[in-house]
N, C-alpha and C. Protein backbone atom coordinates (compact mmCIF):
# COMPACT_ATOMS: atom_id res chain seq x y z
N UNK A 1 0.83 -1.19 0.00
CA UNK A 1 0.00 0.00 0.00
C UNK A 1 0.87 1.25 0.00
N UNK A 2 2.01 1.18 0.73
CA UNK A 2 2.90 2.34 0.76
C UNK A 2 3.44 2.67 -0.62
N UNK A 3 3.76 1.63 -1.38
CA UNK A 3 4.28 1.84 -2.73
C UNK A 3 3.27 2.52 -3.62
N UNK A 4 2.02 2.10 -3.52
CA UNK A 4 0.96 2.70 -4.33
C UNK A 4 0.74 4.16 -3.96
N UNK A 5 0.66 4.45 -2.67
CA UNK A 5 0.48 5.84 -2.23
C UNK A 5 1.68 6.70 -2.62
N UNK A 6 2.88 6.13 -2.50
CA UNK A 6 4.07 6.86 -2.92
C UNK A 6 4.03 7.21 -4.39
N UNK A 7 3.54 6.28 -5.21
CA UNK A 7 3.44 6.53 -6.64
C UNK A 7 2.45 7.66 -6.93
N UNK A 8 1.31 7.67 -6.25
CA UNK A 8 0.32 8.73 -6.43
C UNK A 8 0.89 10.08 -5.99
N UNK A 9 1.59 10.10 -4.87
CA UNK A 9 2.19 11.34 -4.37
C UNK A 9 3.27 11.83 -5.34
N UNK A 10 4.05 10.91 -5.89
CA UNK A 10 5.05 11.29 -6.90
C UNK A 10 4.40 11.96 -8.10
N UNK A 11 3.31 11.40 -8.57
CA UNK A 11 2.62 11.97 -9.73
C UNK A 11 2.11 13.37 -9.42
N UNK A 12 1.54 13.56 -8.23
CA UNK A 12 1.02 14.88 -7.86
C UNK A 12 2.15 15.91 -7.77
N UNK A 13 3.29 15.51 -7.21
CA UNK A 13 4.42 16.41 -7.12
C UNK A 13 4.97 16.77 -8.48
N UNK A 14 5.07 15.78 -9.36
CA UNK A 14 5.58 16.03 -10.71
C UNK A 14 4.63 16.93 -11.49
N UNK A 15 3.34 16.66 -11.40
CA UNK A 15 2.36 17.48 -12.12
C UNK A 15 2.34 18.91 -11.61
N UNK A 16 2.49 19.08 -10.31
CA UNK A 16 2.52 20.43 -9.75
C UNK A 16 3.74 21.20 -10.21
N UNK A 17 4.90 20.55 -10.20
CA UNK A 17 6.12 21.23 -10.62
C UNK A 17 6.10 21.54 -12.11
N UNK A 18 5.75 20.56 -12.93
CA UNK A 18 5.73 20.78 -14.38
C UNK A 18 4.71 21.85 -14.75
N UNK A 19 3.57 21.83 -14.12
CA UNK A 19 2.55 22.84 -14.41
C UNK A 19 3.01 24.25 -14.05
N UNK A 20 3.67 24.40 -12.92
CA UNK A 20 4.14 25.73 -12.53
C UNK A 20 5.35 26.17 -13.35
N UNK A 21 6.22 25.24 -13.69
CA UNK A 21 7.44 25.62 -14.40
C UNK A 21 7.19 25.90 -15.88
N UNK A 22 6.28 25.15 -16.50
CA UNK A 22 6.12 25.26 -17.95
C UNK A 22 4.74 25.72 -18.39
N UNK A 23 3.87 26.03 -17.46
CA UNK A 23 2.51 26.46 -17.81
C UNK A 23 2.11 27.61 -16.89
N UNK A 24 0.85 27.94 -16.88
CA UNK A 24 0.38 29.08 -16.09
C UNK A 24 0.06 28.73 -14.65
N UNK A 25 -0.02 27.47 -14.30
CA UNK A 25 -0.31 27.09 -12.92
C UNK A 25 -0.10 25.60 -12.70
N UNK A 26 -0.09 25.22 -11.44
CA UNK A 26 0.14 23.82 -11.10
C UNK A 26 -1.02 22.95 -11.55
N UNK A 27 -0.70 21.72 -11.93
CA UNK A 27 -1.70 20.75 -12.35
C UNK A 27 -1.91 19.73 -11.25
N UNK A 28 -2.94 18.97 -11.36
CA UNK A 28 -3.19 17.87 -10.42
C UNK A 28 -4.21 18.23 -9.37
N UNK A 29 -4.34 17.36 -8.39
CA UNK A 29 -5.31 17.53 -7.33
C UNK A 29 -4.77 18.36 -6.17
N UNK A 30 -3.50 18.25 -5.90
CA UNK A 30 -2.89 18.93 -4.75
C UNK A 30 -3.05 20.45 -4.78
N UNK A 31 -2.92 21.14 -5.91
CA UNK A 31 -3.09 22.60 -5.92
C UNK A 31 -4.49 23.08 -5.54
N UNK A 32 -5.46 22.19 -5.56
CA UNK A 32 -6.82 22.58 -5.14
C UNK A 32 -6.90 22.76 -3.63
N UNK A 33 -5.95 22.18 -2.91
CA UNK A 33 -5.98 22.23 -1.44
C UNK A 33 -4.92 23.16 -0.85
N UNK A 34 -3.74 23.21 -1.46
CA UNK A 34 -2.65 24.04 -0.94
C UNK A 34 -1.98 24.79 -2.09
N UNK A 35 -1.45 25.95 -1.79
CA UNK A 35 -0.71 26.75 -2.77
C UNK A 35 0.77 26.66 -2.41
N UNK A 36 1.52 25.90 -3.20
CA UNK A 36 2.93 25.66 -2.92
C UNK A 36 3.80 26.26 -4.01
N UNK A 37 5.03 26.66 -3.67
CA UNK A 37 5.96 27.08 -4.71
C UNK A 37 6.46 25.87 -5.51
N UNK A 38 7.06 26.12 -6.65
CA UNK A 38 7.50 25.03 -7.53
C UNK A 38 8.50 24.10 -6.85
N UNK A 39 9.39 24.65 -6.04
CA UNK A 39 10.39 23.83 -5.37
C UNK A 39 9.74 22.88 -4.36
N UNK A 40 8.67 23.29 -3.74
CA UNK A 40 7.97 22.42 -2.79
C UNK A 40 7.36 21.21 -3.49
N UNK A 41 6.94 21.38 -4.74
CA UNK A 41 6.42 20.23 -5.48
C UNK A 41 7.52 19.21 -5.75
N UNK A 42 8.74 19.67 -5.91
CA UNK A 42 9.86 18.73 -6.04
C UNK A 42 10.05 17.96 -4.74
N UNK A 43 9.85 18.63 -3.61
CA UNK A 43 9.91 17.95 -2.32
C UNK A 43 8.81 16.92 -2.16
N UNK A 44 7.61 17.24 -2.64
CA UNK A 44 6.50 16.30 -2.61
C UNK A 44 6.83 15.08 -3.48
N UNK A 45 7.42 15.34 -4.64
CA UNK A 45 7.84 14.24 -5.51
C UNK A 45 8.88 13.36 -4.82
N UNK A 46 9.86 13.97 -4.17
CA UNK A 46 10.90 13.21 -3.47
C UNK A 46 10.32 12.40 -2.31
N UNK A 47 9.37 12.99 -1.59
CA UNK A 47 8.72 12.25 -0.49
C UNK A 47 7.94 11.06 -1.03
N UNK A 48 7.27 11.24 -2.14
CA UNK A 48 6.54 10.13 -2.76
C UNK A 48 7.48 9.04 -3.24
N UNK A 49 8.62 9.44 -3.81
CA UNK A 49 9.60 8.46 -4.26
C UNK A 49 10.16 7.67 -3.08
N UNK A 50 10.45 8.36 -1.99
CA UNK A 50 10.97 7.67 -0.80
C UNK A 50 9.92 6.70 -0.25
N UNK A 51 8.68 7.09 -0.24
CA UNK A 51 7.61 6.23 0.24
C UNK A 51 7.45 5.00 -0.65
N UNK A 52 7.54 5.19 -1.96
CA UNK A 52 7.42 4.08 -2.89
C UNK A 52 8.59 3.10 -2.74
N UNK A 53 9.80 3.63 -2.60
CA UNK A 53 10.97 2.77 -2.42
C UNK A 53 10.88 2.01 -1.11
N UNK A 54 10.46 2.68 -0.07
CA UNK A 54 10.29 2.04 1.24
C UNK A 54 9.28 0.90 1.16
N UNK A 55 8.16 1.16 0.50
CA UNK A 55 7.13 0.14 0.36
C UNK A 55 7.62 -1.07 -0.44
N UNK A 56 8.35 -0.82 -1.52
CA UNK A 56 8.86 -1.93 -2.33
C UNK A 56 9.93 -2.72 -1.59
N UNK A 57 10.80 -2.02 -0.87
CA UNK A 57 11.84 -2.71 -0.10
C UNK A 57 11.21 -3.57 1.00
N UNK A 58 10.19 -3.07 1.64
CA UNK A 58 9.50 -3.83 2.69
C UNK A 58 8.80 -5.05 2.10
N UNK A 59 8.19 -4.87 0.94
CA UNK A 59 7.52 -5.98 0.28
C UNK A 59 8.51 -7.08 -0.09
N UNK A 60 9.66 -6.69 -0.63
CA UNK A 60 10.68 -7.67 -1.00
C UNK A 60 11.27 -8.35 0.23
N UNK A 61 11.45 -7.60 1.32
CA UNK A 61 11.98 -8.19 2.55
C UNK A 61 11.03 -9.24 3.09
N UNK A 62 9.73 -8.94 3.09
CA UNK A 62 8.74 -9.90 3.56
C UNK A 62 8.69 -11.13 2.65
N UNK A 63 8.83 -10.91 1.36
CA UNK A 63 8.82 -12.02 0.41
C UNK A 63 10.03 -12.93 0.63
N UNK A 64 11.19 -12.35 0.88
CA UNK A 64 12.40 -13.14 1.14
C UNK A 64 12.30 -13.90 2.45
N UNK A 65 11.67 -13.31 3.46
CA UNK A 65 11.49 -14.00 4.73
C UNK A 65 10.56 -15.20 4.58
N UNK A 66 9.54 -15.07 3.76
CA UNK A 66 8.62 -16.18 3.54
C UNK A 66 9.29 -17.31 2.78
N UNK A 67 10.16 -16.98 1.84
CA UNK A 67 10.86 -18.00 1.07
C UNK A 67 11.91 -18.71 1.91
N UNK A 68 12.51 -18.01 2.86
CA UNK A 68 13.55 -18.60 3.69
C UNK A 68 12.97 -19.61 4.67
N UNK A 69 11.73 -19.47 5.05
CA UNK A 69 11.11 -20.40 5.97
C UNK A 69 11.14 -19.90 7.40
N UNK A 70 10.41 -20.56 8.29
CA UNK A 70 10.31 -20.06 9.66
C UNK A 70 11.57 -20.28 10.48
N UNK A 71 12.42 -21.24 10.15
CA UNK A 71 13.61 -21.52 10.97
C UNK A 71 14.81 -20.67 10.60
N UNK A 72 14.80 -20.02 9.44
CA UNK A 72 15.95 -19.22 9.01
C UNK A 72 15.90 -17.84 9.67
N UNK A 73 17.06 -17.31 9.93
CA UNK A 73 17.08 -15.97 10.52
C UNK A 73 17.78 -14.98 9.64
């Protein structure tokens, strides 16, 4: 679930930055709730990327633990 939410947050951050940098205003759902500068949208993108990586790493760790069996440490 973390990976999915991270992906959505990444998209919102990217759309906000691209919209402000190359168009007349930020795109996406996030600008309807908060007014952020373009650099803050890059931070939102980075936070989403970190969340997605964390979710994928956790998923792979759990998958490896299941393959190793209950007696392996």
